[in-house]
Amino acid sequence: MKQHTLLALSLFFIPFSPLYGTELQMGGFIKANARYVEGNLKFQDSWTGGGSFADNTKRTQFSAQESRVNMTITSNEVQAFAEIDFVGSAQGNPIISNSYSPRLRHAFISYQGVTAGQTWSTLVNTSTFAETADLGGPLVGQAMIRQALVRYDTTHWQFALENPYTYGTQAPEQASAQTKFATALTSTEPLWIDTNHDYLPDMIVRYNQSGDWGNVSISGLLRYLDSADTAQWGGGTSIAAKIHSIGKDDLRIQLHYGHLGRYVGTDAARDITDGQLENSLSVMFAYRHFWTQHTRSSIFYGHTSTKVEQTDRSHFGVNLFTNLTQSLTLGAEIGRYQMQDNITSLVPTVSQPRTTQGASNYAQVSLQFHF
């Protein structure tokens, strides 16, 4: 029966491929996770750079949400790529069936050096991501953002216009009468910025250099933020590198500084805090060592601190991965995520700053099958 099905499919596709000159490739992976978290920061599927406090957290969760499927379509000089996974879905629950709806990761078209659609921001150098069991690794200290953009690539340079969006809070005196009434300034809820003023695209220029030694990228971001009709220009710089070391070992580094906000740290820094441009400093490093041809470990660290909101967040971890087969990888990881914030702006009714500190340790085992 299986042979008959394959024959039928091949007869269906063969006549059309030469006619349209189109190639289709499928890929992705299935990932099974077991994760345990203990501490006074609430459980997260992965440490996103944000978080909330709890008296005592002890939680174990099994999940396959990180599994993903992608396809690449090529036709002459045109290439398109689309990818989905199931992370962050609010549909499923552990009571009935753990069903999860897909989310769009990538959907873009490339033609003669131009990329249009949703994909990694030009600020992101994916080769510098650490190999981790925790999804994304030290997100708190690295640039990891996907969004809609239009980009032009040359051998070494990239020029991009990217989707504008202001993430942050406005000062109470800037809030409209309607907003003040809706939020009631006596509450502890921050006054979130009205994004109706996001009308100029974010601009990014990046320079890339690579060789036998590895690769390095230097990026500059220029943004126009007009919250509450208060025009403000912001900018920041980013350096990321992957350097080959002894044997197959490598060192991966990211350094970010400026008005980068949502571009770095995932949820560790805002674009604007109480009407002021937020300034952040972020660092991430990871060293990967190969014990054998198929077994390796990474030790990694990520950290972000902000000037206005005075957040201080970090993530440390160490892991061990081994290839059971060419396409099947088993990994184990332990680590610690910490928040040590000096909260002033999140609570308008509090005149004196209060320090909030918390940390959670975690252990995770993953089994990943690539196809």
Protein backbone atom coordinates (compact mmCIF):
# COMPACT_ATOMS: atom_id res chain seq x y z
CA MET A 1 0.00 0.00 0.00
CA LYS A 2 2.85 2.34 0.88
CA GLN A 3 4.56 1.71 -2.47
CA HIS A 4 1.32 2.41 -4.35
CA THR A 5 0.90 5.72 -2.48
CA LEU A 6 4.45 6.85 -3.28
CA LEU A 7 3.99 5.93 -6.94
CA ALA A 8 0.78 7.93 -7.13
CA LEU A 9 2.41 10.99 -5.55
CA SER A 10 5.41 10.80 -7.86
CA LEU A 11 3.16 10.59 -10.94
CA PHE A 12 1.26 13.63 -9.68
CA PHE A 13 4.29 15.86 -9.10
CA ILE A 14 6.67 14.86 -11.90
CA PRO A 15 4.68 16.41 -14.80
CA PHE A 16 4.40 19.76 -13.04
CA SER A 17 7.99 20.27 -11.82
CA PRO A 18 9.63 20.74 -15.25
CA LEU A 19 6.74 22.93 -16.41
CA TYR A 20 7.05 25.44 -13.59
CA GLY A 21 10.72 24.88 -12.70
CA THR A 22 9.88 24.86 -8.99
CA GLU A 23 11.63 22.92 -6.25
CA LEU A 24 10.14 22.25 -2.82
CA GLN A 25 12.17 21.20 0.23
CA MET A 26 10.71 20.31 3.62
CA GLY A 27 12.58 20.45 6.91
CA GLY A 28 12.34 20.98 10.63
CA PHE A 29 12.55 18.89 13.76
CA ILE A 30 10.55 17.13 16.44
CA LYS A 31 11.67 18.09 19.96
CA ALA A 32 10.61 16.47 23.23
CA ASN A 33 11.41 18.38 26.44
CA ALA A 34 11.35 17.56 30.14
CA ARG A 35 11.89 20.68 32.28
CA TYR A 36 12.09 21.22 36.05
CA VAL A 37 12.18 24.68 37.68
CA GLU A 38 12.67 25.51 41.37
CA GLY A 39 13.00 28.94 42.99
CA ASN A 40 11.08 32.17 43.59
CA LEU A 41 10.63 33.10 39.92
CA LYS A 42 7.58 31.59 38.25
CA PHE A 43 7.99 28.74 35.79
CA GLN A 44 8.65 29.63 32.15
CA ASP A 45 8.97 27.28 29.19
CA SER A 46 12.17 29.19 28.46
CA TRP A 47 13.69 32.22 30.20
CA THR A 48 12.55 35.16 28.09
CA GLY A 49 14.28 38.02 29.90
CA GLY A 50 11.13 38.93 31.83
CA GLY A 51 9.37 37.12 34.64
CA SER A 52 7.35 37.42 37.82
CA PHE A 53 7.94 36.41 41.41
CA ALA A 54 6.48 33.54 43.40
CA ASP A 55 7.01 32.44 47.00
CA ASN A 56 8.12 28.96 46.04
CA THR A 57 8.11 27.34 42.62
CA LYS A 58 8.61 23.63 42.03
CA ARG A 59 7.29 22.50 38.69
CA THR A 60 7.98 19.81 36.13
CA GLN A 61 6.61 20.02 32.60
CA PHE A 62 6.88 17.75 29.56
CA SER A 63 6.36 19.44 26.20
CA ALA A 64 6.72 19.06 22.44
CA GLN A 65 5.65 22.64 21.55
CA GLU A 66 9.09 23.61 20.24
CA SER A 67 8.77 21.19 17.31
CA ARG A 68 8.78 23.02 14.00
CA VAL A 69 8.17 22.50 10.29
CA ASN A 70 9.49 24.58 7.41
CA MET A 71 9.55 24.59 3.64
CA THR A 72 11.77 26.24 1.06
CA ILE A 73 10.37 26.94 -2.42
CA THR A 74 12.79 27.80 -5.22
CA SER A 75 11.83 28.92 -8.72
CA ASN A 76 14.64 30.23 -10.93
CA GLU A 77 16.04 33.29 -9.05
CA VAL A 78 13.17 33.48 -6.56
CA GLN A 79 13.25 31.72 -3.21
CA ALA A 80 10.57 31.68 -0.52
CA PHE A 81 10.76 30.27 2.99
CA ALA A 82 8.05 29.65 5.59
CA GLU A 83 8.25 28.08 9.04
CA ILE A 84 5.87 27.38 11.93
CA ASP A 85 6.14 26.00 15.44
CA PHE A 86 3.75 25.78 18.41
CA VAL A 87 5.47 27.77 21.16
CA GLY A 88 3.37 30.15 23.26
CA SER A 89 0.01 28.89 22.11
CA ALA A 90 -2.89 29.74 24.43
CA GLN A 91 -5.15 27.15 22.86
CA GLY A 92 -3.96 23.96 24.55
CA ASN A 93 -4.15 22.88 28.16
CA PRO A 94 -3.05 19.82 30.13
CA ILE A 95 -6.61 19.01 31.20
CA ILE A 96 -7.84 17.55 27.92
CA SER A 97 -5.54 17.08 24.94
CA ASN A 98 -2.63 19.57 25.11
CA SER A 99 -3.57 20.82 21.64
CA TYR A 100 -1.56 23.81 20.45
CA SER A 101 -2.12 26.12 17.51
CA PRO A 102 0.77 26.88 15.12
CA ARG A 103 2.51 30.26 15.09
CA LEU A 104 4.31 31.88 12.20
CA ARG A 105 8.09 32.14 12.65
CA HIS A 106 9.22 33.00 9.12
CA ALA A 107 7.52 33.87 5.84
CA PHE A 108 9.67 35.76 3.34
CA ILE A 109 10.66 36.04 -0.31
CA SER A 110 14.21 36.57 -1.61
CA TYR A 111 15.04 37.87 -5.08
CA GLN A 112 18.29 39.35 -6.41
CA GLY A 113 19.56 40.42 -3.00
CA VAL A 114 16.21 41.75 -1.75
CA THR A 115 14.37 40.06 1.12
CA ALA A 116 10.77 40.97 1.96
CA GLY A 117 8.51 39.43 4.59
CA GLN A 118 8.93 38.21 8.14
CA THR A 119 12.26 36.81 9.29
CA TRP A 120 15.18 37.52 11.63
CA SER A 121 15.85 41.21 12.14
CA THR A 122 19.01 42.47 10.47
CA LEU A 123 20.37 43.10 13.97
CA VAL A 124 20.39 39.33 14.61
CA ASN A 125 23.44 37.17 13.84
CA THR A 126 22.06 33.65 14.20
CA SER A 127 25.49 32.00 14.00
CA THR A 128 26.27 33.43 17.45
CA PHE A 129 23.36 31.69 19.21
CA ALA A 130 24.52 29.22 21.84
CA GLU A 131 23.58 25.55 21.48
CA THR A 132 21.14 25.04 24.36
CA ALA A 133 18.29 22.83 25.52
CA ASP A 134 16.42 25.90 26.80
CA LEU A 135 14.78 27.45 23.73
CA GLY A 136 16.92 30.36 22.55
CA GLY A 137 19.43 30.01 25.38
CA PRO A 138 20.45 33.25 27.16
CA LEU A 139 17.72 35.36 25.54
CA VAL A 140 18.19 37.96 28.25
CA GLY A 141 21.50 39.07 26.74
CA GLN A 142 21.16 38.55 23.02
CA ALA A 143 19.38 39.93 19.98
CA MET A 144 16.66 37.51 18.95
CA ILE A 145 13.75 39.14 17.22
CA ARG A 146 11.79 38.26 14.08
CA GLN A 147 9.62 40.83 12.32
CA ALA A 148 8.45 42.07 8.94
CA LEU A 149 11.11 43.94 6.95
CA VAL A 150 12.52 44.87 3.57
CA ARG A 151 16.28 44.30 3.23
CA TYR A 152 18.95 44.60 0.56
CA ASP A 153 22.08 42.43 0.82
CA THR A 154 25.50 42.82 -0.78
CA THR A 155 28.62 40.75 -0.16
CA HIS A 156 29.42 42.49 3.12
CA TRP A 157 26.65 45.04 3.70
CA GLN A 158 22.96 44.83 4.61
CA PHE A 159 20.48 47.75 4.55
CA ALA A 160 17.01 47.31 6.02
CA LEU A 161 13.74 49.04 6.83
CA GLU A 162 11.97 47.12 9.58
CA ASN A 163 8.59 47.17 11.25
CA PRO A 164 8.28 50.05 13.77
CA TYR A 165 6.79 49.33 17.16
CA THR A 166 7.20 51.13 20.48
CA TYR A 167 7.16 48.91 23.55
CA GLY A 168 7.01 50.79 26.83
CA THR A 169 5.22 53.15 29.18
CA GLN A 170 4.46 56.84 29.05
CA ALA A 171 4.84 59.33 31.85
CA PRO A 172 1.59 60.03 33.76
CA GLU A 173 1.59 63.68 32.66
CA GLN A 174 1.74 62.57 29.00
CA ALA A 175 -1.29 60.34 29.22
CA SER A 176 -4.50 61.54 27.64
CA ALA A 177 -7.56 62.18 29.81
CA GLN A 178 -9.20 59.06 28.40
CA THR A 179 -6.15 56.92 29.23
CA LYS A 180 -5.95 58.34 32.74
CA PHE A 181 -9.59 57.55 33.33
CA ALA A 182 -9.29 54.04 31.91
CA THR A 183 -6.23 53.09 33.92
CA ALA A 184 -6.94 55.13 37.05
CA LEU A 185 -3.59 56.60 37.98
CA THR A 186 -4.00 55.46 41.55
CA SER A 187 -3.57 51.85 40.39
CA THR A 188 -0.25 50.08 40.06
CA GLU A 189 -0.73 49.39 36.35
CA PRO A 190 1.76 51.15 34.02
CA LEU A 191 0.45 53.45 31.29
CA TRP A 192 1.33 51.59 28.11
CA ILE A 193 2.29 53.65 25.06
CA ASP A 194 -0.21 54.16 22.27
CA THR A 195 1.40 52.64 19.16
CA ASN A 196 -0.73 54.75 16.79
CA HIS A 197 2.30 57.04 16.46
CA ASP A 198 4.61 54.37 15.01
CA TYR A 199 4.83 55.58 11.41
CA LEU A 200 8.53 55.66 10.45
CA PRO A 201 10.27 52.30 9.86
CA ASP A 202 13.26 51.34 11.98
CA MET A 203 16.50 51.60 9.97
CA ILE A 204 19.38 49.13 10.32
CA VAL A 205 22.75 48.98 8.59
CA ARG A 206 25.01 45.96 9.13
CA TYR A 207 28.52 45.02 8.03
CA ASN A 208 29.60 41.35 7.87
CA GLN A 209 33.06 39.82 7.63
CA SER A 210 33.94 36.12 7.65
CA GLY A 211 36.86 33.77 7.08
CA ASP A 212 38.45 30.57 8.29
CA TRP A 213 38.63 32.16 11.74
CA GLY A 214 34.83 32.60 11.97
CA ASN A 215 32.61 35.63 11.39
CA VAL A 216 31.76 39.01 12.88
CA SER A 217 28.92 41.47 12.30
CA ILE A 218 28.60 45.14 13.31
CA SER A 219 25.15 46.74 13.21
CA GLY A 220 23.69 50.18 13.76
CA LEU A 221 20.03 50.91 14.53
CA LEU A 222 18.25 54.26 14.06
CA ARG A 223 14.67 54.66 15.31
CA TYR A 224 12.05 57.42 15.43
CA LEU A 225 9.79 57.08 18.47
CA ASP A 226 6.86 59.47 18.72
CA SER A 227 4.94 58.36 21.78
CA ALA A 228 2.30 60.84 22.94
CA ASP A 229 3.40 63.21 20.14
CA THR A 230 6.83 63.55 21.76
CA ALA A 231 9.29 62.98 18.93
CA GLN A 232 12.46 61.21 19.97
CA TRP A 233 15.26 59.74 17.90
CA GLY A 234 17.00 56.69 19.29
CA GLY A 235 19.92 54.60 18.21
CA GLY A 236 22.11 51.72 19.23
CA THR A 237 24.99 49.51 18.18
CA SER A 238 25.48 45.77 18.14
CA ILE A 239 28.52 43.52 17.71
CA ALA A 240 28.27 39.75 17.34
CA ALA A 241 30.97 37.21 16.54
CA LYS A 242 31.62 33.50 16.30
CA ILE A 243 35.32 32.68 16.65
CA HIS A 244 36.77 29.23 15.94
CA SER A 245 38.99 27.95 18.71
CA ILE A 246 40.96 24.75 19.34
CA GLY A 247 39.83 21.84 17.18
CA LYS A 248 36.08 22.11 16.61
CA ASP A 249 35.55 24.43 19.62
CA ASP A 250 34.13 27.92 19.18
CA LEU A 251 33.44 31.11 21.14
CA ARG A 252 30.24 33.06 20.51
CA ILE A 253 29.87 36.68 21.67
CA GLN A 254 27.25 39.41 21.48
CA LEU A 255 27.53 42.98 22.81
CA HIS A 256 24.72 45.53 22.52
CA TYR A 257 24.42 49.12 23.75
CA GLY A 258 22.01 52.01 23.29
CA HIS A 259 18.30 52.56 22.69
CA LEU A 260 17.76 49.00 21.52
CA GLY A 261 14.73 48.19 23.68
CA ARG A 262 12.73 45.25 22.32
CA TYR A 263 15.52 44.27 19.88
CA VAL A 264 17.68 42.78 22.64
CA GLY A 265 16.85 40.70 25.70
CA THR A 266 13.39 39.71 24.45
CA ASP A 267 11.51 41.10 27.50
CA ALA A 268 14.42 42.48 29.52
CA ALA A 269 14.24 46.10 28.30
CA ARG A 270 11.61 48.49 26.98
CA ASP A 271 11.94 51.06 24.24
CA ILE A 272 10.56 53.83 26.45
CA THR A 273 10.12 53.89 30.23
CA ASP A 274 7.89 56.59 31.73
CA GLY A 275 8.25 58.65 28.57
CA GLN A 276 12.07 58.43 28.54
CA LEU A 277 14.16 56.59 25.98
CA GLU A 278 15.47 53.47 27.67
CA ASN A 279 19.19 52.82 27.51
CA SER A 280 20.36 49.23 27.86
CA LEU A 281 23.65 47.34 28.00
CA SER A 282 23.58 43.65 27.08
CA VAL A 283 26.21 40.95 26.78
CA MET A 284 26.14 37.27 25.88
CA PHE A 285 28.90 34.74 25.53
CA ALA A 286 29.02 30.99 25.01
CA TYR A 287 31.92 28.59 24.67
CA ARG A 288 31.32 25.21 23.02
CA HIS A 289 33.78 22.37 23.56
CA PHE A 290 33.78 19.03 21.72
CA TRP A 291 34.63 16.09 23.97
CA THR A 292 34.40 13.66 21.06
CA GLN A 293 33.28 13.91 17.44
CA HIS A 294 29.64 13.48 18.50
CA THR A 295 29.60 14.84 22.09
CA ARG A 296 29.98 18.49 23.11
CA SER A 297 29.18 20.96 25.89
CA SER A 298 28.41 24.67 26.00
CA ILE A 299 28.78 27.03 28.92
CA PHE A 300 26.91 30.29 28.43
CA TYR A 301 25.96 33.55 30.15
CA GLY A 302 23.60 36.41 29.24
CA HIS A 303 22.97 39.71 31.02
CA THR A 304 21.02 42.92 30.44
CA SER A 305 20.82 46.06 32.60
CA THR A 306 18.78 49.20 31.92
CA LYS A 307 19.37 52.77 32.99
CA VAL A 308 15.88 54.25 33.42
CA GLU A 309 13.89 51.29 34.72
CA GLN A 310 17.00 49.94 36.46
CA THR A 311 16.46 46.29 35.63
CA ASP A 312 19.27 43.77 36.09
CA ARG A 313 18.71 40.26 34.71
CA SER A 314 20.98 37.35 33.92
CA HIS A 315 20.96 33.73 32.78
CA PHE A 316 23.72 31.16 33.25
CA GLY A 317 23.84 27.55 32.07
CA VAL A 318 25.94 24.55 31.12
CA ASN A 319 24.92 21.53 29.05
CA LEU A 320 25.94 18.30 27.36
CA PHE A 321 24.77 17.13 23.92
CA THR A 322 25.45 13.91 22.07
CA ASN A 323 24.36 12.66 18.64
CA LEU A 324 22.76 9.25 19.04
CA THR A 325 22.42 9.05 15.26
CA GLN A 326 23.12 11.50 12.44
CA SER A 327 19.68 13.09 12.95
CA LEU A 328 18.87 12.35 16.62
CA THR A 329 20.38 14.47 19.44
CA LEU A 330 20.07 13.98 23.20
CA GLY A 331 20.80 16.95 25.47
CA ALA A 332 20.85 17.77 29.19
CA GLU A 333 21.21 21.23 30.72
CA ILE A 334 21.27 22.91 34.13
CA GLY A 335 21.20 26.63 34.78
CA ARG A 336 19.99 29.61 36.76
CA TYR A 337 17.91 32.66 35.81
CA GLN A 338 18.01 35.75 38.04
CA MET A 339 16.24 39.10 38.31
CA GLN A 340 17.61 41.87 40.51
CA ASP A 341 15.59 44.97 39.63
CA ASN A 342 15.38 48.36 41.30
CA ILE A 343 11.73 49.04 40.49
CA THR A 344 10.71 52.70 40.29
CA SER A 345 8.60 53.18 37.18
CA LEU A 346 6.40 50.10 37.24
CA VAL A 347 4.52 51.28 40.32
CA PRO A 348 3.47 54.95 39.95
CA THR A 349 2.16 55.19 43.52
CA VAL A 350 5.49 54.22 45.05
CA SER A 351 7.74 57.23 45.56
CA GLN A 352 10.71 55.31 46.90
CA PRO A 353 12.41 52.62 44.83
CA ARG A 354 12.15 49.05 46.05
CA THR A 355 14.55 46.29 45.13
CA THR A 356 13.04 43.09 43.81
CA GLN A 357 15.28 40.07 43.70
CA GLY A 358 14.60 36.54 42.64
CA ALA A 359 16.17 33.51 41.04
CA SER A 360 15.18 30.05 39.86
CA ASN A 361 17.32 27.05 39.04
CA TYR A 362 16.31 24.69 36.26
CA ALA A 363 17.19 21.34 34.75
CA GLN A 364 16.14 20.23 31.29
CA VAL A 365 16.48 17.17 29.09
CA SER A 366 15.68 17.29 25.37
CA LEU A 367 15.50 14.76 22.56
CA GLN A 368 15.55 16.31 19.08
CA PHE A 369 15.06 14.59 15.71
CA HIS A 370 15.99 16.62 12.63
CA PHE A 371 14.50 15.91 9.22
